[in-house]
Every structure is written in structure tokens, then in C-alpha cells.
Amino acid sequence: MGKYHGKARIKRLMQQEGLKPKAARRFKVTTDSCHSKPVAENILGRQFNPVAMNTAWASDIIYIHTDEGWLYLTTVIDLFNRKIVGWSMGTRLVTSLIEDALIMAIHRNNPPNGVSHHSDRGSQYCK
């Protein structure tokens, strides 16, 4: 299968070939959960295994770098089957992205009253 080689050997072989390792990028924190806006209560309490569809949804924003700039994708997933039930994409990180994704999820799934919506409680999810 493979062979084990120490770091020093790999470093020496890469230097002989004129190769340089790609430096790992620092993790960039994109969620501001320490804002002064009011946030909803954490009902789920990190219990992400509901027993039925349309009882608990989760949402997040994904940052996508393109040659033309950043795109922002908001998804809403059903935590029961991990299916994407709503989404929205835009070139600006605004609250309407979250609203549009949630509206799509509601229109496509017609959830019962009481469906929980979980997010990272970032500033975009607050008003």
C-alpha cells in the first residue's frame, strides 16, 4: 500500500525537487454570535436527531469564492433526513437571503405549526 516516511525525509525530497508545501490557511471566523441583537431561545439544545420530518430544520450560510467575487449560499435542511428543503444565493450577505431560503422551505414542504428552526445565531439571523 503505502510507506511511512518521516517529515525530515519528505522535506529533503521536496527541497531537491524545488517543491514548497502549501501553507495552511488560518481559519476565518465568519459568525458573529456576540452581537447585541435579540436572539431566539435555543430550543433544540444540540439534539439534532428528530424523530420525524418537518419537526426541526437547521440553517447556515456558506461562503463561496469565485473568480468574480464572493457568493453567499443559505441553506435550510431538514434534520430528520438531511434533505435541503430551501436555499437562496446572492452576491451580498444580507438578511433577505435567510428569509428567502426559509420562505422556499415553507412553500415546498408546508410544515406543521411548531417546526423548530436552528441557526448559529449570527447577526444575519437577527432583526
N, C-alpha and C. Protein backbone atom coordinates (compact mmCIF):
# COMPACT_ATOMS: atom_id res chain seq x y z
N MET A 1 0.85 -1.17 0.00
CA MET A 1 0.00 0.00 0.00
C MET A 1 0.89 1.24 0.00
N GLY A 2 1.12 1.80 1.15
CA GLY A 2 1.94 2.98 1.23
C GLY A 2 3.11 2.77 2.17
N LYS A 3 4.02 3.71 2.15
CA LYS A 3 5.17 3.63 3.03
C LYS A 3 5.16 4.84 3.94
N TYR A 4 5.70 4.65 5.14
CA TYR A 4 5.83 5.74 6.09
C TYR A 4 7.19 6.40 5.88
N HIS A 5 7.19 7.72 5.79
CA HIS A 5 8.43 8.48 5.70
C HIS A 5 8.34 9.63 6.69
N GLY A 6 9.44 9.92 7.35
CA GLY A 6 9.48 11.00 8.33
C GLY A 6 9.40 12.37 7.67
N LYS A 7 9.12 13.36 8.48
CA LYS A 7 8.99 14.73 7.99
C LYS A 7 10.30 15.24 7.38
N ALA A 8 11.42 14.88 8.01
CA ALA A 8 12.72 15.36 7.52
C ALA A 8 12.99 14.83 6.11
N ARG A 9 12.68 13.56 5.87
CA ARG A 9 12.91 12.97 4.54
C ARG A 9 12.02 13.64 3.50
N ILE A 10 10.76 13.83 3.84
CA ILE A 10 9.83 14.48 2.91
C ILE A 10 10.31 15.89 2.60
N LYS A 11 10.75 16.61 3.63
CA LYS A 11 11.23 17.97 3.45
C LYS A 11 12.44 17.99 2.52
N ARG A 12 13.38 17.06 2.75
CA ARG A 12 14.59 16.99 1.92
C ARG A 12 14.24 16.66 0.47
N LEU A 13 13.37 15.69 0.26
CA LEU A 13 12.99 15.30 -1.10
C LEU A 13 12.26 16.44 -1.82
N MET A 14 11.41 17.14 -1.10
CA MET A 14 10.71 18.27 -1.72
C MET A 14 11.68 19.38 -2.08
N GLN A 15 12.66 19.65 -1.20
CA GLN A 15 13.65 20.68 -1.50
C GLN A 15 14.48 20.31 -2.72
N GLN A 16 14.83 19.02 -2.85
CA GLN A 16 15.60 18.57 -4.01
C GLN A 16 14.83 18.79 -5.32
N GLU A 17 13.52 18.68 -5.25
CA GLU A 17 12.69 18.85 -6.45
C GLU A 17 12.20 20.29 -6.62
N GLY A 18 12.60 21.16 -5.70
CA GLY A 18 12.18 22.56 -5.79
C GLY A 18 10.72 22.77 -5.43
N LEU A 19 10.16 21.87 -4.65
CA LEU A 19 8.75 21.97 -4.25
C LEU A 19 8.62 22.63 -2.89
N LYS A 20 7.58 23.41 -2.73
CA LYS A 20 7.30 24.04 -1.44
C LYS A 20 5.90 23.63 -1.01
N PRO A 21 5.75 23.30 0.27
CA PRO A 21 4.41 22.93 0.74
C PRO A 21 3.48 24.14 0.74
N LYS A 22 2.22 23.88 0.47
CA LYS A 22 1.23 24.95 0.52
C LYS A 22 0.88 25.20 1.98
N ALA A 23 1.04 26.43 2.41
CA ALA A 23 0.77 26.77 3.80
C ALA A 23 -0.72 26.67 4.09
N ALA A 24 -1.04 26.13 5.23
CA ALA A 24 -2.44 26.03 5.64
C ALA A 24 -2.96 27.42 5.95
N ARG A 25 -4.17 27.69 5.51
CA ARG A 25 -4.77 28.98 5.79
C ARG A 25 -5.34 28.99 7.20
N ARG A 26 -5.27 30.14 7.81
CA ARG A 26 -5.89 30.29 9.13
C ARG A 26 -7.39 30.21 8.97
N PHE A 27 -8.05 29.61 9.94
CA PHE A 27 -9.50 29.53 9.94
C PHE A 27 -10.06 30.91 10.19
N LYS A 28 -10.94 31.35 9.30
CA LYS A 28 -11.54 32.66 9.45
C LYS A 28 -12.92 32.51 10.07
N VAL A 29 -13.11 33.14 11.20
CA VAL A 29 -14.41 33.11 11.87
C VAL A 29 -15.35 34.04 11.13
N THR A 30 -16.49 33.51 10.70
CA THR A 30 -17.44 34.31 9.93
C THR A 30 -18.74 34.54 10.68
N THR A 31 -18.91 33.93 11.82
CA THR A 31 -20.14 34.08 12.59
C THR A 31 -19.93 35.05 13.74
N ASP A 32 -20.79 36.04 13.81
CA ASP A 32 -20.76 36.99 14.92
C ASP A 32 -21.91 36.65 15.86
N SER A 33 -21.65 35.77 16.82
CA SER A 33 -22.68 35.39 17.79
C SER A 33 -22.65 36.26 19.03
N CYS A 34 -21.73 37.20 19.08
CA CYS A 34 -21.61 38.08 20.25
C CYS A 34 -22.13 39.47 19.93
N HIS A 35 -23.24 39.54 19.25
CA HIS A 35 -23.83 40.83 18.90
C HIS A 35 -24.86 41.22 19.95
N SER A 36 -25.34 42.43 19.87
CA SER A 36 -26.29 42.92 20.88
C SER A 36 -27.75 42.76 20.45
N LYS A 37 -27.98 42.14 19.31
CA LYS A 37 -29.35 41.95 18.83
C LYS A 37 -30.03 40.82 19.60
N PRO A 38 -31.35 40.87 19.74
CA PRO A 38 -32.04 39.79 20.45
C PRO A 38 -31.99 38.49 19.64
N VAL A 39 -31.83 37.37 20.31
CA VAL A 39 -31.79 36.07 19.65
C VAL A 39 -32.86 35.16 20.25
N ALA A 40 -33.29 34.20 19.46
CA ALA A 40 -34.30 33.24 19.93
C ALA A 40 -33.66 32.25 20.89
N GLU A 41 -34.50 31.66 21.71
CA GLU A 41 -34.05 30.65 22.66
C GLU A 41 -33.55 29.41 21.91
N ASN A 42 -32.54 28.74 22.44
CA ASN A 42 -32.00 27.52 21.84
C ASN A 42 -32.88 26.33 22.26
N ILE A 43 -33.91 26.07 21.48
CA ILE A 43 -34.89 25.03 21.82
C ILE A 43 -34.31 23.64 21.62
N LEU A 44 -33.53 23.45 20.55
CA LEU A 44 -33.03 22.11 20.24
C LEU A 44 -31.98 21.62 21.23
N GLY A 45 -31.20 22.53 21.78
CA GLY A 45 -30.18 22.12 22.75
C GLY A 45 -29.21 21.09 22.19
N ARG A 46 -28.81 21.26 20.93
CA ARG A 46 -27.85 20.39 20.23
C ARG A 46 -28.37 18.96 20.06
N GLN A 47 -29.67 18.76 20.14
CA GLN A 47 -30.28 17.46 19.85
C GLN A 47 -30.72 17.48 18.39
N PHE A 48 -29.82 17.04 17.51
CA PHE A 48 -30.05 17.17 16.07
C PHE A 48 -30.55 15.87 15.44
N ASN A 49 -31.28 15.06 16.17
CA ASN A 49 -31.82 13.80 15.65
C ASN A 49 -33.32 13.72 15.89
N PRO A 50 -34.11 14.51 15.16
CA PRO A 50 -35.56 14.47 15.35
C PRO A 50 -36.14 13.13 14.90
N VAL A 51 -37.33 12.82 15.37
CA VAL A 51 -37.96 11.52 15.08
C VAL A 51 -38.88 11.57 13.87
N ALA A 52 -39.12 12.74 13.28
CA ALA A 52 -40.00 12.85 12.12
C ALA A 52 -39.56 14.02 11.25
N MET A 53 -39.99 13.97 9.98
CA MET A 53 -39.70 15.06 9.05
C MET A 53 -40.45 16.32 9.48
N ASN A 54 -39.90 17.45 9.07
CA ASN A 54 -40.53 18.76 9.30
C ASN A 54 -40.81 19.06 10.76
N THR A 55 -39.94 18.56 11.64
CA THR A 55 -40.05 18.94 13.05
C THR A 55 -38.89 19.82 13.48
N ALA A 56 -37.74 19.68 12.81
CA ALA A 56 -36.57 20.50 13.13
C ALA A 56 -35.77 20.78 11.86
N TRP A 57 -35.54 22.04 11.60
CA TRP A 57 -34.74 22.48 10.47
C TRP A 57 -33.52 23.21 10.99
N ALA A 58 -32.45 23.19 10.21
CA ALA A 58 -31.24 23.94 10.54
C ALA A 58 -30.84 24.77 9.33
N SER A 59 -30.20 25.87 9.58
CA SER A 59 -29.83 26.78 8.50
C SER A 59 -28.42 27.30 8.73
N ASP A 60 -27.73 27.56 7.63
CA ASP A 60 -26.40 28.15 7.72
C ASP A 60 -26.08 28.86 6.42
N ILE A 61 -25.05 29.68 6.46
CA ILE A 61 -24.60 30.43 5.29
C ILE A 61 -23.24 29.90 4.89
N ILE A 62 -23.08 29.63 3.60
CA ILE A 62 -21.82 29.12 3.05
C ILE A 62 -21.22 30.22 2.18
N TYR A 63 -19.94 30.49 2.36
CA TYR A 63 -19.23 31.50 1.59
C TYR A 63 -18.51 30.80 0.45
N ILE A 64 -18.77 31.22 -0.79
CA ILE A 64 -18.18 30.59 -1.97
C ILE A 64 -17.36 31.64 -2.72
N HIS A 65 -16.05 31.40 -2.82
CA HIS A 65 -15.19 32.33 -3.54
C HIS A 65 -15.16 31.95 -5.01
N THR A 66 -15.43 32.92 -5.89
CA THR A 66 -15.38 32.69 -7.33
C THR A 66 -14.42 33.70 -7.94
N ASP A 67 -14.13 33.54 -9.22
CA ASP A 67 -13.26 34.49 -9.92
C ASP A 67 -13.88 35.88 -9.98
N GLU A 68 -15.20 35.95 -9.87
CA GLU A 68 -15.89 37.23 -9.96
C GLU A 68 -16.22 37.83 -8.59
N GLY A 69 -15.81 37.17 -7.52
CA GLY A 69 -16.09 37.67 -6.18
C GLY A 69 -16.77 36.61 -5.33
N TRP A 70 -17.32 37.04 -4.21
CA TRP A 70 -17.94 36.11 -3.27
C TRP A 70 -19.41 35.90 -3.59
N LEU A 71 -19.85 34.65 -3.39
CA LEU A 71 -21.27 34.31 -3.42
C LEU A 71 -21.63 33.78 -2.04
N TYR A 72 -22.84 34.02 -1.64
CA TYR A 72 -23.31 33.58 -0.33
C TYR A 72 -24.52 32.67 -0.53
N LEU A 73 -24.41 31.44 -0.04
CA LEU A 73 -25.47 30.44 -0.18
C LEU A 73 -26.04 30.13 1.19
N THR A 74 -27.33 30.34 1.33
CA THR A 74 -28.02 29.99 2.56
C THR A 74 -28.84 28.73 2.30
N THR A 75 -28.68 27.73 3.15
CA THR A 75 -29.45 26.50 3.01
C THR A 75 -30.25 26.25 4.28
N VAL A 76 -31.40 25.61 4.09
CA VAL A 76 -32.22 25.13 5.20
C VAL A 76 -32.34 23.63 4.99
N ILE A 77 -31.93 22.84 5.98
CA ILE A 77 -32.03 21.39 5.85
C ILE A 77 -32.97 20.84 6.92
N ASP A 78 -33.65 19.76 6.54
CA ASP A 78 -34.47 19.03 7.49
C ASP A 78 -33.53 18.11 8.26
N LEU A 79 -33.47 18.25 9.56
CA LEU A 79 -32.53 17.47 10.36
C LEU A 79 -32.89 16.00 10.44
N PHE A 80 -34.11 15.63 10.07
CA PHE A 80 -34.51 14.23 10.11
C PHE A 80 -33.83 13.43 9.00
N ASN A 81 -33.93 13.92 7.76
CA ASN A 81 -33.36 13.18 6.62
C ASN A 81 -32.20 13.91 5.95
N ARG A 82 -31.80 15.06 6.49
CA ARG A 82 -30.67 15.86 5.98
C ARG A 82 -30.92 16.36 4.55
N LYS A 83 -32.15 16.47 4.17
CA LYS A 83 -32.52 16.97 2.84
C LYS A 83 -32.56 18.50 2.86
N ILE A 84 -32.04 19.11 1.79
CA ILE A 84 -32.14 20.56 1.66
C ILE A 84 -33.57 20.89 1.27
N VAL A 85 -34.25 21.64 2.12
CA VAL A 85 -35.65 21.96 1.87
C VAL A 85 -35.84 23.39 1.38
N GLY A 86 -34.80 24.21 1.49
CA GLY A 86 -34.85 25.57 0.99
C GLY A 86 -33.45 26.14 0.85
N TRP A 87 -33.29 27.06 -0.10
CA TRP A 87 -31.98 27.67 -0.30
C TRP A 87 -32.14 29.02 -0.97
N SER A 88 -31.10 29.83 -0.88
CA SER A 88 -31.06 31.13 -1.52
C SER A 88 -29.60 31.52 -1.72
N MET A 89 -29.31 32.18 -2.84
CA MET A 89 -27.93 32.58 -3.13
C MET A 89 -27.91 34.03 -3.57
N GLY A 90 -26.86 34.75 -3.19
CA GLY A 90 -26.73 36.13 -3.59
C GLY A 90 -25.30 36.61 -3.52
N THR A 91 -25.08 37.82 -4.02
CA THR A 91 -23.74 38.40 -4.04
C THR A 91 -23.49 39.28 -2.82
N ARG A 92 -24.52 39.50 -2.01
CA ARG A 92 -24.38 40.29 -0.79
C ARG A 92 -24.90 39.48 0.38
N LEU A 93 -24.23 39.60 1.51
CA LEU A 93 -24.61 38.88 2.71
C LEU A 93 -25.63 39.72 3.48
N VAL A 94 -26.90 39.47 3.17
CA VAL A 94 -27.98 40.26 3.76
C VAL A 94 -29.02 39.32 4.37
N THR A 95 -29.83 39.87 5.26
CA THR A 95 -30.85 39.09 5.95
C THR A 95 -31.86 38.48 4.98
N SER A 96 -32.11 39.14 3.86
CA SER A 96 -33.11 38.62 2.91
C SER A 96 -32.71 37.26 2.35
N LEU A 97 -31.42 36.92 2.34
CA LEU A 97 -31.01 35.58 1.91
C LEU A 97 -31.61 34.51 2.82
N ILE A 98 -31.55 34.75 4.11
CA ILE A 98 -32.11 33.79 5.06
C ILE A 98 -33.62 33.73 4.93
N GLU A 99 -34.24 34.90 4.81
CA GLU A 99 -35.70 34.94 4.66
C GLU A 99 -36.15 34.18 3.42
N ASP A 100 -35.46 34.40 2.28
CA ASP A 100 -35.83 33.73 1.03
C ASP A 100 -35.69 32.22 1.14
N ALA A 101 -34.61 31.75 1.77
CA ALA A 101 -34.41 30.30 1.93
C ALA A 101 -35.49 29.71 2.82
N LEU A 102 -35.85 30.41 3.88
CA LEU A 102 -36.88 29.92 4.79
C LEU A 102 -38.26 29.93 4.13
N ILE A 103 -38.55 30.96 3.35
CA ILE A 103 -39.82 31.02 2.63
C ILE A 103 -39.91 29.87 1.63
N MET A 104 -38.81 29.59 0.91
CA MET A 104 -38.80 28.46 -0.02
C MET A 104 -39.08 27.16 0.72
N ALA A 105 -38.44 26.97 1.86
CA ALA A 105 -38.64 25.74 2.64
C ALA A 105 -40.09 25.59 3.07
N ILE A 106 -40.70 26.68 3.50
CA ILE A 106 -42.10 26.63 3.94
C ILE A 106 -43.03 26.32 2.78
N HIS A 107 -42.82 26.99 1.64
CA HIS A 107 -43.69 26.77 0.48
C HIS A 107 -43.55 25.36 -0.09
N ARG A 108 -42.34 24.82 -0.08
CA ARG A 108 -42.11 23.49 -0.66
C ARG A 108 -42.55 22.36 0.25
N ASN A 109 -42.60 22.59 1.56
CA ASN A 109 -42.83 21.49 2.50
C ASN A 109 -44.09 21.61 3.34
N ASN A 110 -44.67 22.81 3.40
CA ASN A 110 -45.88 23.02 4.18
C ASN A 110 -45.76 22.37 5.56
N PRO A 111 -44.78 22.80 6.36
CA PRO A 111 -44.55 22.14 7.66
C PRO A 111 -45.69 22.42 8.64
N PRO A 112 -45.87 21.54 9.61
CA PRO A 112 -46.89 21.79 10.63
C PRO A 112 -46.45 22.94 11.54
N ASN A 113 -47.40 23.51 12.23
CA ASN A 113 -47.05 24.54 13.22
C ASN A 113 -46.11 23.94 14.24
N GLY A 114 -45.11 24.71 14.62
CA GLY A 114 -44.19 24.25 15.66
C GLY A 114 -42.88 23.69 15.15
N VAL A 115 -42.63 23.73 13.83
CA VAL A 115 -41.33 23.28 13.34
C VAL A 115 -40.26 24.20 13.93
N SER A 116 -39.17 23.62 14.43
CA SER A 116 -38.08 24.39 15.01
C SER A 116 -37.08 24.76 13.93
N HIS A 117 -36.57 25.98 13.98
CA HIS A 117 -35.56 26.44 13.03
C HIS A 117 -34.31 26.79 13.82
N HIS A 118 -33.23 26.05 13.59
CA HIS A 118 -31.98 26.24 14.33
C HIS A 118 -30.95 26.92 13.43
N SER A 119 -30.21 27.87 14.00
CA SER A 119 -29.12 28.51 13.27
C SER A 119 -27.98 28.74 14.24
N ASP A 120 -26.88 29.30 13.72
CA ASP A 120 -25.74 29.60 14.59
C ASP A 120 -25.95 30.90 15.36
N ARG A 121 -27.09 31.52 15.20
CA ARG A 121 -27.48 32.74 15.90
C ARG A 121 -26.61 33.94 15.52
N GLY A 122 -26.06 33.89 14.31
CA GLY A 122 -25.27 35.01 13.81
C GLY A 122 -26.14 36.24 13.58
N SER A 123 -25.50 37.36 13.34
CA SER A 123 -26.24 38.62 13.24
C SER A 123 -27.21 38.64 12.07
N GLN A 124 -26.95 37.87 11.00
CA GLN A 124 -27.87 37.85 9.87
C GLN A 124 -29.21 37.21 10.24
N TYR A 125 -29.23 36.39 11.28
CA TYR A 125 -30.44 35.70 11.68
C TYR A 125 -31.26 36.52 12.68
N CYS A 126 -30.82 37.72 12.99
CA CYS A 126 -31.50 38.56 13.99
C CYS A 126 -32.02 39.82 13.33
N LYS A 127 -33.01 40.39 13.95
CA LYS A 127 -33.53 41.67 13.46
C LYS A 127 -33.55 42.67 14.57
